[in-house]
Protein backbone atom coordinates (compact mmCIF):
# COMPACT_ATOMS: atom_id res chain seq x y z
CA UNK A 1 -1.31 35.62 4.82
CA UNK A 2 -1.13 32.15 3.87
CA UNK A 3 -2.19 29.62 6.09
CA UNK A 4 0.55 27.52 7.48
CA UNK A 5 1.63 24.23 6.26
CA UNK A 6 -0.18 21.12 8.10
CA UNK A 7 2.85 19.06 8.38
CA UNK A 8 2.73 15.96 7.83
CA UNK A 9 0.27 16.55 5.14
CA UNK A 10 -2.86 14.10 5.13
CA UNK A 11 -3.28 11.65 2.26
CA UNK A 12 -5.82 13.27 -0.19
CA UNK A 13 -8.34 10.62 -1.37
CA UNK A 14 -11.72 11.06 -2.96
CA UNK A 15 -14.36 8.21 -2.26
CA UNK A 16 -14.54 5.68 -5.66
CA UNK A 17 -16.95 6.96 -7.94
CA UNK A 18 -18.98 4.26 -8.33
CA UNK A 19 -22.55 3.60 -10.42
CA UNK A 20 -25.66 2.18 -8.20
CA UNK A 21 -26.10 -0.89 -10.53
CA UNK A 22 -23.47 -2.99 -11.78
CA UNK A 23 -23.23 -5.33 -14.67
CA UNK A 24 -21.35 -8.68 -14.05
CA UNK A 25 -18.11 -9.32 -15.86
CA UNK A 26 -15.25 -12.08 -15.77
CA UNK A 27 -11.52 -10.26 -15.99
CA UNK A 28 -9.33 -11.45 -18.92
CA UNK A 29 -6.21 -10.21 -20.71
CA UNK A 30 -6.14 -6.78 -22.21
CA UNK A 31 -9.80 -6.64 -21.11
CA UNK A 32 -11.45 -3.46 -21.25
CA UNK A 33 -14.53 -3.66 -18.00
CA UNK A 34 -16.45 -0.15 -16.66
CA UNK A 35 -19.34 -0.35 -14.43
CA UNK A 36 -18.70 -3.91 -13.55
CA UNK A 37 -19.27 -6.12 -10.88
CA UNK A 38 -16.34 -8.49 -11.29
CA UNK A 39 -16.08 -12.13 -10.20
CA UNK A 40 -13.13 -14.04 -9.97
CA UNK A 41 -12.01 -17.68 -10.92
CA UNK A 42 -10.44 -19.48 -7.83
CA UNK A 43 -7.45 -20.34 -9.47
CA UNK A 44 -5.77 -17.77 -11.38
CA UNK A 45 -6.61 -15.07 -13.14
CA UNK A 46 -4.92 -13.54 -16.21
CA UNK A 47 -5.86 -9.55 -16.37
CA UNK A 48 -2.91 -7.81 -17.38
CA UNK A 49 -2.90 -4.95 -19.42
CA UNK A 50 -6.61 -4.59 -18.57
CA UNK A 51 -8.36 -1.06 -18.13
CA UNK A 52 -10.73 -1.35 -15.12
CA UNK A 53 -12.62 1.65 -14.32
CA UNK A 54 -15.83 2.57 -11.84
CA UNK A 55 -16.35 -1.23 -10.51
CA UNK A 56 -16.01 -3.72 -7.82
CA UNK A 57 -14.25 -6.62 -7.63
CA UNK A 58 -16.36 -9.10 -5.54
CA UNK A 59 -15.21 -11.14 -2.33
CA UNK A 60 -13.43 -14.31 -3.58
CA UNK A 61 -11.04 -16.67 -2.15
CA UNK A 62 -8.18 -17.52 -5.47
CA UNK A 63 -4.94 -18.73 -6.07
CA UNK A 64 -3.71 -15.76 -7.82
CA UNK A 65 -4.43 -12.55 -9.76
CA UNK A 66 -2.46 -10.95 -12.51
CA UNK A 67 -3.17 -7.42 -12.87
CA UNK A 68 0.47 -6.24 -14.49
CA UNK A 69 0.62 -3.26 -16.55
CA UNK A 70 -3.58 -2.55 -15.98
CA UNK A 71 -4.85 0.81 -14.99
CA UNK A 72 -7.81 0.92 -12.38
CA UNK A 73 -9.85 3.98 -11.39
CA UNK A 74 -12.87 4.48 -8.77
CA UNK A 75 -12.20 0.41 -8.08
CA UNK A 76 -13.20 -1.52 -4.78
CA UNK A 77 -11.79 -4.79 -4.14
CA UNK A 78 -13.81 -6.13 -1.35
CA UNK A 79 -13.07 -9.30 0.58
CA UNK A 80 -10.20 -11.00 -2.12
CA UNK A 81 -8.17 -13.35 -0.32
CA UNK A 82 -5.34 -14.37 -2.69
CA UNK A 83 -1.86 -15.95 -2.66
CA UNK A 84 -0.24 -13.67 -5.32
CA UNK A 85 -1.54 -10.81 -6.85
CA UNK A 86 0.74 -8.75 -8.99
CA UNK A 87 0.35 -5.13 -10.27
CA UNK A 88 4.19 -4.46 -11.43
CA UNK A 89 3.96 -1.47 -13.69
CA UNK A 90 0.18 -0.88 -13.04
CA UNK A 91 -1.91 2.73 -12.88
CA UNK A 92 -4.50 3.13 -9.78
CA UNK A 93 -6.01 6.25 -9.39
CA UNK A 94 -8.59 5.80 -6.28
CA UNK A 95 -8.56 2.43 -5.55
CA UNK A 96 -10.04 0.60 -2.69
CA UNK A 97 -8.75 -2.60 -1.12
CA UNK A 98 -10.97 -3.92 1.76
CA UNK A 99 -10.66 -7.00 4.09
CA UNK A 100 -9.15 -10.44 2.61
CA UNK A 101 -5.80 -11.93 2.96
CA UNK A 102 -2.91 -11.71 0.19
CA UNK A 103 0.25 -13.67 0.52
CA UNK A 104 2.01 -11.22 -1.95
CA UNK A 105 1.30 -8.02 -3.21
CA UNK A 106 3.87 -6.58 -5.70
CA UNK A 107 2.95 -3.13 -6.75
CA UNK A 108 6.74 -2.89 -7.85
CA UNK A 109 7.26 -0.10 -10.55
CA UNK A 110 3.40 0.91 -9.91
CA UNK A 111 1.95 4.22 -10.03
CA UNK A 112 -0.27 4.49 -6.97
CA UNK A 113 -2.23 8.09 -6.63
CA UNK A 114 -4.93 7.57 -4.10
CA UNK A 115 -4.79 4.07 -2.49
CA UNK A 116 -6.22 2.79 0.53
CA UNK A 117 -5.94 -0.48 2.47
CA UNK A 118 -8.24 -1.53 5.10
CA UNK A 119 -8.25 -4.47 7.02
CA UNK A 120 -5.79 -6.40 4.66
CA UNK A 121 -3.86 -9.11 5.63
CA UNK A 122 -0.93 -8.99 3.33
CA UNK A 123 2.15 -11.06 4.64
CA UNK A 124 5.06 -9.51 1.68
CA UNK A 125 3.93 -6.02 0.08
CA UNK A 126 6.47 -5.13 -2.28
CA UNK A 127 6.57 -1.57 -4.00
CA UNK A 128 10.22 -1.54 -5.07
CA UNK A 129 10.46 1.71 -7.52
CA UNK A 130 6.88 2.66 -6.98
CA UNK A 131 5.00 5.79 -6.92
CA UNK A 132 2.98 6.35 -4.69
CA UNK A 133 0.58 9.09 -3.61
CA UNK A 134 -2.04 10.02 -1.34
CA UNK A 135 -2.27 6.75 0.59
CA UNK A 136 -3.89 5.33 3.49
CA UNK A 137 -3.03 2.16 5.68
CA UNK A 138 -5.36 1.32 8.06
CA UNK A 139 -6.47 -1.88 10.02
CA UNK A 140 -3.81 -3.92 8.45
CA UNK A 141 -1.61 -6.55 9.38
CA UNK A 142 1.56 -6.75 6.85
CA UNK A 143 4.54 -8.98 7.73
CA UNK A 144 7.13 -7.26 5.02
CA UNK A 145 6.46 -4.04 3.68
CA UNK A 146 9.89 -3.51 1.43
CA UNK A 147 9.45 -0.22 -0.46
CA UNK A 148 13.55 0.27 -1.79
CA UNK A 149 13.63 3.12 -4.24
CA UNK A 150 9.94 3.75 -4.07
CA UNK A 151 8.75 7.91 -4.00
CA UNK A 152 6.33 8.53 -1.23
CA UNK A 153 4.43 11.05 -0.41
CA UNK A 154 1.39 11.84 1.72
CA UNK A 155 1.22 8.17 3.09
CA UNK A 156 -0.95 7.51 6.71
CA UNK A 157 -1.16 4.44 8.92
CA UNK A 158 -3.86 3.63 11.77
CA UNK A 159 -3.75 0.58 13.74
CA UNK A 160 -1.69 -1.20 11.30
CA UNK A 161 1.28 -3.66 12.41
CA UNK A 162 4.62 -4.20 10.30
CA UNK A 163 6.93 -6.85 11.17
CA UNK A 164 9.86 -5.62 9.22
CA UNK A 165 9.31 -2.04 6.50
CA UNK A 166 12.63 -1.85 4.02
CA UNK A 167 12.85 1.80 3.21
CA UNK A 168 16.39 2.13 1.71
CA UNK A 169 16.79 4.65 -0.66
CA UNK A 170 13.39 5.88 -0.86
CA UNK A 171 12.07 9.59 -1.46
CA UNK A 172 9.68 10.35 1.50
CA UNK A 173 7.66 13.36 2.31
CA UNK A 174 4.33 13.82 4.55
CA UNK A 175 4.66 10.22 5.95
CA UNK A 176 2.90 9.87 9.22
CA UNK A 177 3.97 6.33 10.98
CA UNK A 178 2.21 7.32 13.97
CA UNK A 179 -0.43 4.82 13.46
CA UNK A 180 2.07 1.72 12.58
CA UNK A 181 3.87 -0.49 15.24
CA UNK A 182 7.26 -1.17 13.03
CA UNK A 183 9.14 -3.63 14.64
CA UNK A 184 11.82 -2.94 12.67
CA UNK A 185 13.95 -0.69 9.92
CA UNK A 186 15.70 -2.14 7.41
CA UNK A 187 18.07 1.22 7.57
CA UNK A 188 16.59 4.14 9.92
CA UNK A 189 18.88 7.06 8.52
CA UNK A 190 15.93 7.08 5.55
CA UNK A 191 13.59 8.11 8.29
CA UNK A 192 14.59 11.63 7.85
CA UNK A 193 11.30 13.74 7.48
CA UNK A 194 9.39 10.35 8.39
CA UNK A 195 6.67 11.76 11.49
CA UNK A 196 6.91 9.08 14.44
CA UNK A 197 5.90 9.47 18.11
CA UNK A 198 7.97 9.37 20.72
CA UNK A 199 7.39 6.10 22.19
CA UNK A 200 8.21 4.62 18.90
CA UNK A 201 11.47 6.90 18.41
CA UNK A 202 12.11 5.81 21.81
CA UNK A 203 11.72 1.91 20.91
CA UNK A 204 14.40 2.31 17.90
CA UNK A 205 16.46 4.70 20.25
CA UNK A 206 19.46 2.04 19.21
CA UNK A 207 19.35 1.55 15.88
CA UNK A 208 19.17 5.08 15.55
CA UNK A 209 22.21 5.71 17.94
CA UNK A 210 23.69 2.81 15.64
CA UNK A 211 23.05 4.84 12.46
CA UNK A 212 24.75 7.96 14.07
CA UNK A 213 28.22 5.58 14.51
CA UNK A 214 27.44 6.11 18.50
CA UNK A 215 28.29 2.92 20.78
CA UNK A 216 25.68 2.40 23.63
CA UNK A 217 26.38 0.10 26.36
CA UNK A 218 25.10 -0.90 29.17
CA UNK A 219 26.34 -0.35 32.82
CA UNK A 220 29.37 1.78 33.00
């Protein structure tokens, strides 16, 4: 007899496969990097369409990092603070972003399979049109989480606050928001199938009622 399915199904994320020793490297556009310890320039780094595997990006404070169309596999981004980190149309597999502060993290139309955001502060995180599978968000502070039209599977939050979450037209499966304090959703109707606590459902009850056409008034 098959075991009953766990709902919501938790993310399945292996630890990044990293070597014991790294070679120093500096990113460049369309470059290839493996088993590297990457130091970022404090200004702007153009690493669009690069390939990075089994590597660590060292702590740094930079203006911008462009990873548009880049392929990352088994990568740890450790303590990077950036005004802008752009990864539109990128492919990320088993990537950990740990610590630091990012003004704008742009994952529009990206494909992420196995992504951990751990203790990161992000003012604006956009994944419009992205495919996000097996994602863990823990100990983060996010201003706006913008996911319109995204496909999201097995995503879990823990100890994380989000000011505003845009989920218009997304496709969600096994999304666990119990560990997220979300102040507002742009379209609560799109929460169908998402897991919330009873307190979360209560705090958004008026918006849920309005979405159903219920006229809620105080008093008689």
